[in-house]
Amino acid sequence: MAKDFTVKQFMAGSCYSYILSSRDEALIIDPHISMQEEYTGYLKKKGLSLKFIIDTHTHADHFSLAAVLKNKFGAQVLMHEKAISSVADRRLKDNDQVTLGSSSFKVIYTPGHTDDAVSLYGEGRLFTGDVLLIGSLGRTDFQNGSPESMFDTLQKLKSLPDETIVLPSHDYHEKRSSTIAQEKEGNPFLAETNKEAFVKNMRAKIIPKPFNIDNIVRVNQKGEAASIEMIPPREALAFIQKDLQVKLLDVRSPLEFSEVHIQDSINVPIDILSAKINDLIQSKQSYVVLCRTGNRSPMAADMLMQSGIHGVKVMQGGMTRWQKEGLPVIKGKGGVSLERQVRLIAGSLVLLGILLLWFAHWAFIFISVFISCGLIYSGLSDNCLMGMLLMKLPYNKKLYKTKLGGGTCSISG
């Protein structure tokens, strides 16, 4: 293992990306549209020259930053030979080698999630993209995905050394890494040895597709993210103050907007944006689009641009960065989050059980016992039965119905 080799993991929601470096050379794996400043700042701080950009596959749930980084740094974009891409400079095949400084990485063709998926193996680490996830795996109903291919891919990955560190490009439970040994032991999909049973199980799963999937795939294939103009919050503020025809378009959910928003901003949740496009066109205004962190806003900007609205810009870092920079906001009472509702009700029921035990009858202790068991189950399974019941209340349906919908890239995300 090269002594100077380092890995930096970046998180954008449930999406992970990585900067690998050796000597003064760097490689970025699966760059996310919302992380441009973080990548640029890290490269500058470490004095690194960006040599390669690798998209492990054509992403279907978020925009890739590959085209933007390519234009900015002149780095080569690497993708598998089956990838439909106008951005890729070099096509990868199974067993190819990617050299970075004093380190070398083996390309492993890992179809299943999509037919253009690759993993990168070297320096005791396996970067699995959306194929092998922590305790799970990528779904197989995306671009030419195949459960048969996924089974074969998993058998290939199982043969790697047990101590190999697994670093995926997604995790929906905030787990940062795993090992091949841990996945063999705890990942039910990796433990399956019967191909027929595996395929039957995968085909039986029906999961909603990610929001706006067709547009996302198109943008990533053509590198159109490079045409979306990104501006920092202070520049956005100056822009709207200078020109009254420019409006801030907030595409977060009504719940998020009600909790905190920018004065005079317009709230059109992204999942109903297409129904409001004509109204936005007829207003003859220009828009700076924002969301919470910068994942939804580029998607919304693309929808506006495809509809013929010109001068669309995206605010980098969204509301999170706006507030971090101390810019003015309007805070409202908003709604009570589902997590807070669960804590409030669970605590109240436990207290009620204790009081009834004390003043009425010993059998009321089972109220507290029942709630405690429910919380333990929630912690172990990451499924909250009380939360599921609360989501059925009209109040919560109204608050949460316009959050970014659709499925994930995981079979169990």
Protein backbone atom coordinates (compact mmCIF):
# COMPACT_ATOMS: atom_id res chain seq x y z
CA MET A 1 0.00 0.00 0.00
CA ALA A 2 1.35 3.41 -0.98
CA LYS A 3 2.32 5.45 2.08
CA ASP A 4 1.06 8.70 0.60
CA PHE A 5 -2.34 7.36 -0.46
CA THR A 6 -5.37 9.05 1.11
CA VAL A 7 -9.14 8.88 0.75
CA LYS A 8 -11.56 11.70 1.56
CA GLN A 9 -15.24 10.81 1.73
CA PHE A 10 -17.88 13.46 0.99
CA MET A 11 -21.57 13.22 1.87
CA ALA A 12 -24.47 14.87 0.05
CA GLY A 13 -27.54 13.45 1.76
CA SER A 14 -27.49 9.72 1.09
CA CYS A 15 -24.95 10.11 -1.73
CA TYR A 16 -21.26 9.49 -1.08
CA SER A 17 -18.38 10.60 -3.27
CA TYR A 18 -14.65 10.28 -2.85
CA ILE A 19 -11.40 12.05 -3.63
CA LEU A 20 -8.49 9.61 -3.84
CA SER A 21 -4.98 11.06 -3.86
CA SER A 22 -1.44 9.81 -4.22
CA ARG A 23 1.57 12.10 -4.40
CA ASP A 24 0.05 15.26 -5.86
CA GLU A 25 -2.52 13.59 -8.10
CA ALA A 26 -6.22 13.19 -7.35
CA LEU A 27 -9.18 11.21 -8.64
CA ILE A 28 -12.83 11.92 -7.86
CA ILE A 29 -15.38 9.09 -7.77
CA ASP A 30 -19.08 9.88 -8.40
CA PRO A 31 -18.96 13.68 -7.95
CA HIS A 32 -22.29 15.19 -6.82
CA ILE A 33 -23.75 18.36 -8.32
CA SER A 34 -24.07 20.07 -4.92
CA MET A 35 -20.45 19.56 -3.82
CA GLN A 36 -18.40 21.66 -6.25
CA GLU A 37 -17.04 24.08 -3.65
CA GLU A 38 -16.20 21.28 -1.23
CA TYR A 39 -14.20 19.40 -3.87
CA THR A 40 -12.45 22.55 -5.10
CA GLY A 41 -11.59 23.64 -1.58
CA TYR A 42 -10.17 20.24 -0.67
CA LEU A 43 -8.04 20.01 -3.81
CA LYS A 44 -6.66 23.50 -3.23
CA LYS A 45 -5.99 22.90 0.47
CA LYS A 46 -4.08 19.69 -0.24
CA GLY A 47 -2.27 21.05 -3.31
CA LEU A 48 -3.67 18.32 -5.55
CA SER A 49 -3.99 18.20 -9.31
CA LEU A 50 -7.20 16.54 -10.48
CA LYS A 51 -6.22 13.84 -12.95
CA PHE A 52 -9.34 11.68 -13.32
CA ILE A 53 -13.07 11.83 -12.72
CA ILE A 54 -14.88 8.49 -12.55
CA ASP A 55 -18.63 8.02 -12.65
CA THR A 56 -19.13 4.39 -11.64
CA HIS A 57 -22.31 4.35 -13.77
CA THR A 58 -24.89 6.70 -15.27
CA HIS A 59 -26.64 8.07 -12.20
CA ALA A 60 -30.44 8.20 -12.19
CA ASP A 61 -31.20 9.92 -8.88
CA HIS A 62 -28.94 13.00 -8.96
CA PHE A 63 -26.91 15.11 -11.35
CA SER A 64 -23.25 14.26 -11.77
CA LEU A 65 -20.70 17.07 -11.52
CA ALA A 66 -18.34 15.29 -13.92
CA ALA A 67 -18.94 17.63 -16.87
CA VAL A 68 -18.48 20.71 -14.69
CA LEU A 69 -15.23 19.44 -13.15
CA LYS A 70 -13.95 18.41 -16.56
CA ASN A 71 -14.40 21.95 -17.86
CA LYS A 72 -12.93 23.51 -14.72
CA PHE A 73 -9.87 21.31 -14.23
CA GLY A 74 -9.29 19.67 -17.62
CA ALA A 75 -9.36 16.23 -16.00
CA GLN A 76 -10.26 13.08 -17.93
CA VAL A 77 -13.67 11.53 -17.33
CA LEU A 78 -13.59 7.72 -17.16
CA MET A 79 -16.66 5.50 -17.61
CA HIS A 80 -17.37 1.97 -18.73
CA GLU A 81 -17.46 1.28 -22.46
CA LYS A 82 -21.21 0.58 -22.31
CA ALA A 83 -22.03 3.96 -20.81
CA ILE A 84 -23.99 6.26 -23.10
CA SER A 85 -22.04 9.43 -22.42
CA SER A 86 -20.97 12.56 -24.26
CA VAL A 87 -18.71 13.42 -21.34
CA ALA A 88 -16.44 10.36 -21.06
CA ASP A 89 -12.90 10.69 -22.48
CA ARG A 90 -11.68 7.18 -21.73
CA ARG A 91 -13.66 3.95 -21.80
CA LEU A 92 -13.03 1.35 -19.14
CA LYS A 93 -13.10 -2.43 -19.46
CA ASP A 94 -12.92 -5.23 -16.92
CA ASN A 95 -9.39 -5.61 -15.45
CA ASP A 96 -8.18 -2.23 -16.75
CA GLN A 97 -5.77 -0.38 -14.48
CA VAL A 98 -6.10 3.24 -13.37
CA THR A 99 -2.82 4.70 -12.13
CA LEU A 100 -2.79 7.57 -9.66
CA GLY A 101 0.58 8.75 -8.40
CA SER A 102 2.21 5.70 -6.82
CA SER A 103 -1.11 3.85 -6.52
CA SER A 104 -2.86 1.58 -8.99
CA PHE A 105 -6.50 0.52 -9.11
CA LYS A 106 -8.15 -2.37 -10.88
CA VAL A 107 -11.38 -1.79 -12.75
CA ILE A 108 -13.97 -4.49 -12.02
CA TYR A 109 -16.95 -4.62 -14.34
CA THR A 110 -19.92 -4.98 -11.99
CA PRO A 111 -23.20 -4.95 -13.96
CA GLY A 112 -26.53 -5.51 -12.27
CA HIS A 113 -27.67 -2.12 -11.03
CA THR A 114 -27.04 -0.87 -14.58
CA ASP A 115 -25.18 -2.42 -17.49
CA ASP A 116 -22.43 0.24 -17.39
CA ALA A 117 -21.47 -0.14 -13.72
CA VAL A 118 -17.85 -0.52 -12.58
CA SER A 119 -16.17 -0.79 -9.21
CA LEU A 120 -12.64 0.32 -8.41
CA TYR A 121 -10.35 -1.93 -6.35
CA GLY A 122 -6.99 -1.07 -4.87
CA GLU A 123 -5.12 0.01 -1.75
CA GLY A 124 -7.22 -2.44 0.27
CA ARG A 125 -10.44 -0.68 -0.71
CA LEU A 126 -13.35 -1.42 -3.00
CA PHE A 127 -15.37 1.51 -4.33
CA THR A 128 -18.64 -0.15 -5.30
CA GLY A 129 -20.75 2.69 -6.67
CA ASP A 130 -24.41 1.69 -6.38
CA VAL A 131 -23.82 -2.06 -6.76
CA LEU A 132 -22.85 -3.39 -3.32
CA LEU A 133 -24.20 -1.19 -0.54
CA ILE A 134 -23.84 -1.58 3.20
CA GLY A 135 -26.22 -4.37 4.19
CA SER A 136 -27.99 -4.01 0.87
CA LEU A 137 -27.41 -3.60 -2.86
CA GLY A 138 -28.52 -1.45 -5.76
CA ARG A 139 -31.87 -2.08 -7.38
CA THR A 140 -31.79 -3.83 -10.75
CA ASP A 141 -34.56 -2.09 -12.68
CA PHE A 142 -32.58 0.90 -13.95
CA GLN A 143 -30.82 1.23 -17.33
CA ASN A 144 -30.46 -2.36 -18.55
CA GLY A 145 -30.12 -3.54 -14.97
CA SER A 146 -30.36 -7.28 -14.41
CA PRO A 147 -30.82 -9.43 -11.28
CA GLU A 148 -28.99 -12.26 -13.07
CA SER A 149 -25.99 -9.98 -13.68
CA MET A 150 -26.20 -8.66 -10.13
CA PHE A 151 -25.98 -12.18 -8.68
CA ASP A 152 -22.88 -12.92 -10.78
CA THR A 153 -21.35 -9.59 -9.77
CA LEU A 154 -21.85 -10.32 -6.07
CA GLN A 155 -20.16 -13.71 -6.41
CA LYS A 156 -17.19 -11.93 -7.98
CA LEU A 157 -16.99 -9.37 -5.16
CA LYS A 158 -17.30 -12.06 -2.48
CA SER A 159 -14.03 -13.56 -3.68
CA LEU A 160 -12.07 -10.45 -2.66
CA PRO A 161 -10.11 -10.55 0.63
CA ASP A 162 -12.32 -10.37 3.71
CA GLU A 163 -10.48 -7.35 5.07
CA THR A 164 -11.22 -5.28 1.95
CA ILE A 165 -12.91 -2.01 2.96
CA VAL A 166 -16.19 -1.46 1.11
CA LEU A 167 -16.95 2.17 0.21
CA PRO A 168 -20.27 2.59 -1.64
CA SER A 169 -21.71 5.67 -3.33
CA HIS A 170 -24.97 5.45 -1.41
CA ASP A 171 -26.10 4.69 2.08
CA TYR A 172 -29.52 5.48 3.50
CA HIS A 173 -28.67 4.88 7.15
CA GLU A 174 -25.54 7.06 7.45
CA LYS A 175 -23.11 4.16 7.61
CA ARG A 176 -19.80 5.26 6.17
CA SER A 177 -18.04 1.99 5.27
CA SER A 178 -17.99 -1.77 5.70
CA THR A 179 -15.79 -4.74 4.81
CA ILE A 180 -16.26 -7.76 2.58
CA ALA A 181 -16.28 -9.94 5.73
CA GLN A 182 -19.00 -7.85 7.34
CA GLU A 183 -21.10 -7.92 4.19
CA LYS A 184 -20.72 -11.70 3.88
CA GLU A 185 -21.99 -12.02 7.41
CA GLY A 186 -24.69 -9.36 7.51
CA ASN A 187 -25.84 -8.64 3.97
CA PRO A 188 -28.69 -11.05 3.07
CA PHE A 189 -28.25 -10.46 -0.65
CA LEU A 190 -24.57 -11.37 -0.52
CA ALA A 191 -25.38 -14.45 1.56
CA GLU A 192 -27.78 -15.86 -1.05
CA THR A 193 -26.16 -18.74 -2.95
CA ASN A 194 -29.12 -19.81 -5.06
CA LYS A 195 -29.22 -17.73 -8.23
CA GLU A 196 -32.80 -18.70 -9.08
CA ALA A 197 -34.04 -17.68 -5.63
CA PHE A 198 -32.05 -14.45 -5.78
CA VAL A 199 -33.49 -13.47 -9.16
CA LYS A 200 -37.03 -14.35 -8.08
CA ASN A 201 -36.65 -12.23 -4.95
CA MET A 202 -35.31 -9.25 -6.89
CA ARG A 203 -38.02 -9.39 -9.53
CA ALA A 204 -40.70 -9.50 -6.84
CA LYS A 205 -39.65 -6.13 -5.47
CA ILE A 206 -41.59 -3.18 -6.83
CA ILE A 207 -40.03 0.15 -5.88
CA PRO A 208 -41.01 3.65 -7.07
CA LYS A 209 -38.58 5.18 -9.53
CA PRO A 210 -36.60 8.25 -8.41
CA PHE A 211 -38.23 11.59 -9.11
CA ASN A 212 -37.55 13.00 -12.60
CA ILE A 213 -35.42 9.97 -13.52
CA ASP A 214 -35.61 10.39 -17.30
CA ASN A 215 -34.40 13.99 -17.18
CA ILE A 216 -31.63 13.13 -14.73
CA VAL A 217 -30.32 10.33 -16.95
CA ARG A 218 -30.47 12.63 -20.00
CA VAL A 219 -28.55 15.41 -18.23
CA ASN A 220 -25.87 12.98 -17.04
CA GLN A 221 -25.49 11.31 -20.42
CA LYS A 222 -25.10 14.62 -22.25
CA GLY A 223 -23.18 16.46 -19.56
CA GLU A 224 -25.79 19.20 -19.48
CA ALA A 225 -25.12 20.01 -15.84
CA ALA A 226 -22.28 22.16 -17.17
CA SER A 227 -24.86 24.53 -18.66
CA ILE A 228 -26.53 25.23 -15.29
CA GLU A 229 -25.15 28.44 -13.82
CA MET A 230 -24.42 28.19 -10.10
CA ILE A 231 -24.07 31.32 -7.95
CA PRO A 232 -23.25 31.69 -4.23
CA PRO A 233 -25.90 33.08 -1.84
CA ARG A 234 -24.48 36.60 -1.53
CA GLU A 235 -24.33 36.91 -5.29
CA ALA A 236 -27.91 35.64 -5.50
CA LEU A 237 -29.00 38.26 -2.95
CA ALA A 238 -27.31 41.05 -4.90
CA PHE A 239 -28.83 39.74 -8.12
CA ILE A 240 -32.44 39.83 -6.90
CA GLN A 241 -31.95 43.22 -5.24
CA LYS A 242 -30.61 44.70 -8.45
CA ASP A 243 -33.29 43.34 -10.78
CA LEU A 244 -36.93 43.21 -9.64
CA GLN A 245 -37.73 40.78 -12.47
CA VAL A 246 -35.56 38.13 -10.81
CA LYS A 247 -37.26 35.99 -8.18
CA LEU A 248 -36.03 33.36 -5.76
CA LEU A 249 -37.80 30.08 -6.52
CA ASP A 250 -37.75 27.76 -3.50
CA VAL A 251 -38.51 24.16 -4.52
CA ARG A 252 -38.52 22.66 -1.03
CA SER A 253 -41.63 21.17 0.55
CA PRO A 254 -44.23 23.42 2.23
CA LEU A 255 -43.10 22.07 5.61
CA GLU A 256 -39.48 23.08 4.97
CA PHE A 257 -40.58 26.45 3.60
CA SER A 258 -42.86 27.17 6.57
CA GLU A 259 -40.03 26.51 9.02
CA VAL A 260 -37.62 28.97 7.40
CA HIS A 261 -37.53 30.85 4.09
CA ILE A 262 -36.18 33.94 2.38
CA GLN A 263 -38.33 37.04 2.16
CA ASP A 264 -40.29 37.38 -1.10
CA SER A 265 -39.21 33.94 -2.31
CA ILE A 266 -41.75 31.84 -4.19
CA ASN A 267 -42.43 28.31 -2.97
CA VAL A 268 -43.20 25.76 -5.70
CA PRO A 269 -42.29 22.24 -4.46
CA ILE A 270 -40.32 20.34 -7.06
CA ASP A 271 -42.82 17.52 -7.37
CA ILE A 272 -45.54 19.91 -8.55
CA LEU A 273 -43.23 22.19 -10.54
CA SER A 274 -44.19 20.72 -13.90
CA ALA A 275 -47.84 21.65 -13.24
CA LYS A 276 -46.81 25.25 -12.50
CA ILE A 277 -44.42 25.74 -15.43
CA ASN A 278 -46.93 27.65 -17.56
CA ASP A 279 -47.61 30.10 -14.72
CA LEU A 280 -43.88 30.70 -14.31
CA ILE A 281 -43.43 31.21 -18.05
CA GLN A 282 -46.31 33.72 -18.24
CA SER A 283 -44.85 35.75 -15.38
CA LYS A 284 -41.93 36.62 -17.72
CA GLN A 285 -39.54 36.61 -14.79
CA SER A 286 -36.10 35.08 -14.32
CA TYR A 287 -35.39 32.73 -11.44
CA VAL A 288 -32.69 31.81 -8.99
CA VAL A 289 -33.65 28.33 -7.80
CA LEU A 290 -32.84 27.01 -4.35
CA CYS A 291 -33.59 24.01 -2.15
CA ARG A 292 -32.16 22.87 1.17
CA THR A 293 -28.64 21.83 0.17
CA GLY A 294 -28.44 22.00 -3.62
CA ASN A 295 -29.63 18.59 -4.86
CA ARG A 296 -33.19 19.38 -5.93
CA SER A 297 -32.54 22.87 -7.29
CA PRO A 298 -30.42 21.81 -10.33
CA MET A 299 -33.18 19.35 -11.28
CA ALA A 300 -35.75 22.13 -11.02
CA ALA A 301 -33.53 24.50 -13.00
CA ASP A 302 -33.22 21.92 -15.77
CA MET A 303 -37.01 21.58 -15.90
CA LEU A 304 -37.36 25.36 -16.26
CA MET A 305 -34.68 25.57 -18.95
CA GLN A 306 -36.22 22.70 -20.90
CA SER A 307 -39.51 24.62 -20.84
CA GLY A 308 -37.91 27.67 -22.46
CA ILE A 309 -37.35 29.85 -19.40
CA HIS A 310 -34.08 31.75 -19.83
CA GLY A 311 -31.63 33.16 -17.34
CA VAL A 312 -32.18 30.42 -14.76
CA LYS A 313 -29.55 30.15 -12.04
CA VAL A 314 -29.06 27.84 -9.06
CA MET A 315 -28.06 29.04 -5.61
CA GLN A 316 -25.14 27.00 -4.35
CA GLY A 317 -25.64 25.24 -1.04
CA GLY A 318 -29.31 26.21 -0.81
CA MET A 319 -30.90 27.39 2.44
CA THR A 320 -28.24 25.61 4.47
CA ARG A 321 -25.47 27.78 3.08
CA TRP A 322 -27.63 30.93 3.05
CA GLN A 323 -28.18 30.58 6.79
CA LYS A 324 -24.58 29.59 7.42
CA GLU A 325 -23.47 32.87 5.86
CA GLY A 326 -25.79 34.78 8.18
CA LEU A 327 -28.11 36.13 5.52
CA PRO A 328 -31.63 37.23 6.56
CA VAL A 329 -34.44 34.66 6.81
CA ILE A 330 -38.02 34.52 7.96
CA LYS A 331 -38.65 31.81 10.52
CA GLY A 332 -42.11 30.40 11.03
CA LYS A 333 -43.57 27.90 13.41
CA GLY A 334 -43.76 25.33 10.67
CA GLY A 335 -45.00 21.87 11.44
CA VAL A 336 -43.88 19.39 14.03
CA SER A 337 -41.47 16.90 12.48
CA LEU A 338 -42.39 13.23 12.51
CA GLU A 339 -39.41 12.41 14.73
CA ARG A 340 -40.53 15.00 17.30
CA GLN A 341 -44.08 13.66 17.20
CA VAL A 342 -42.83 10.14 17.92
CA ARG A 343 -40.66 11.34 20.82
CA LEU A 344 -43.52 13.39 22.26
CA ILE A 345 -46.09 10.58 22.10
CA ALA A 346 -43.69 7.86 23.25
CA GLY A 347 -42.56 9.92 26.24
CA SER A 348 -46.14 10.79 27.15
CA LEU A 349 -47.26 7.16 27.02
CA VAL A 350 -44.34 5.99 29.16
CA LEU A 351 -45.14 8.68 31.74
CA LEU A 352 -48.84 7.78 31.62
CA GLY A 353 -48.04 4.11 32.21
CA ILE A 354 -45.93 4.96 35.27
CA LEU A 355 -48.61 7.25 36.73
CA LEU A 356 -51.38 4.69 36.21
CA LEU A 357 -49.15 2.01 37.72
CA TRP A 358 -48.66 4.19 40.78
CA PHE A 359 -52.22 5.40 41.26
CA ALA A 360 -54.43 2.74 39.63
CA HIS A 361 -53.22 -0.82 38.94
CA TRP A 362 -49.89 -2.62 38.48
CA ALA A 363 -50.95 -3.96 35.03
CA PHE A 364 -50.56 -0.48 33.54
CA ILE A 365 -46.77 -1.05 33.61
CA PHE A 366 -47.25 -2.89 30.32
CA ILE A 367 -47.96 0.43 28.59
CA SER A 368 -44.40 1.53 29.33
CA VAL A 369 -43.05 -1.94 28.52
CA PHE A 370 -44.85 -1.96 25.16
CA ILE A 371 -43.54 1.48 24.19
CA SER A 372 -40.00 0.53 25.29
CA CYS A 373 -40.09 -2.61 23.15
CA GLY A 374 -41.30 -0.53 20.22
CA LEU A 375 -38.39 1.89 20.59
CA ILE A 376 -35.90 -0.98 20.83
CA TYR A 377 -37.38 -2.55 17.68
CA SER A 378 -37.15 0.82 15.92
CA GLY A 379 -33.48 1.15 16.84
CA LEU A 380 -32.62 -2.37 15.69
CA SER A 381 -34.64 -2.42 12.47
CA ASP A 382 -34.61 1.27 11.54
CA ASN A 383 -38.39 0.98 11.06
CA CYS A 384 -40.66 2.98 13.35
CA LEU A 385 -44.17 1.55 13.59
CA MET A 386 -45.46 4.59 15.44
CA GLY A 387 -44.03 6.85 12.76
CA MET A 388 -45.75 4.79 10.07
CA LEU A 389 -49.08 5.17 11.90
CA LEU A 390 -48.59 8.90 12.40
CA MET A 391 -47.88 9.34 8.69
CA LYS A 392 -51.47 8.22 8.02
CA LEU A 393 -52.89 11.23 9.89
CA PRO A 394 -54.29 13.93 7.55
CA TYR A 395 -52.04 16.54 9.21
CA ASN A 396 -48.88 14.64 8.34
CA LYS A 397 -50.07 13.67 4.88
CA LYS A 398 -50.51 17.35 4.11
CA LEU A 399 -47.09 18.30 5.47
CA TYR A 400 -45.07 15.51 3.90
CA LYS A 401 -46.82 14.84 0.60
CA THR A 402 -44.73 17.35 -1.32
CA LYS A 403 -41.28 16.30 -0.23
CA LEU A 404 -39.10 14.98 -3.02
CA GLY A 405 -40.79 11.71 -3.93
CA GLY A 406 -39.85 8.60 -5.78
CA GLY A 407 -37.64 5.70 -4.92
CA THR A 408 -34.01 5.34 -4.12
CA CYS A 409 -31.14 3.49 -5.78
CA SER A 410 -31.18 0.85 -3.05
CA ILE A 411 -33.30 -2.27 -3.01
CA SER A 412 -33.97 -1.59 0.69
CA GLY A 413 -33.28 2.14 1.02
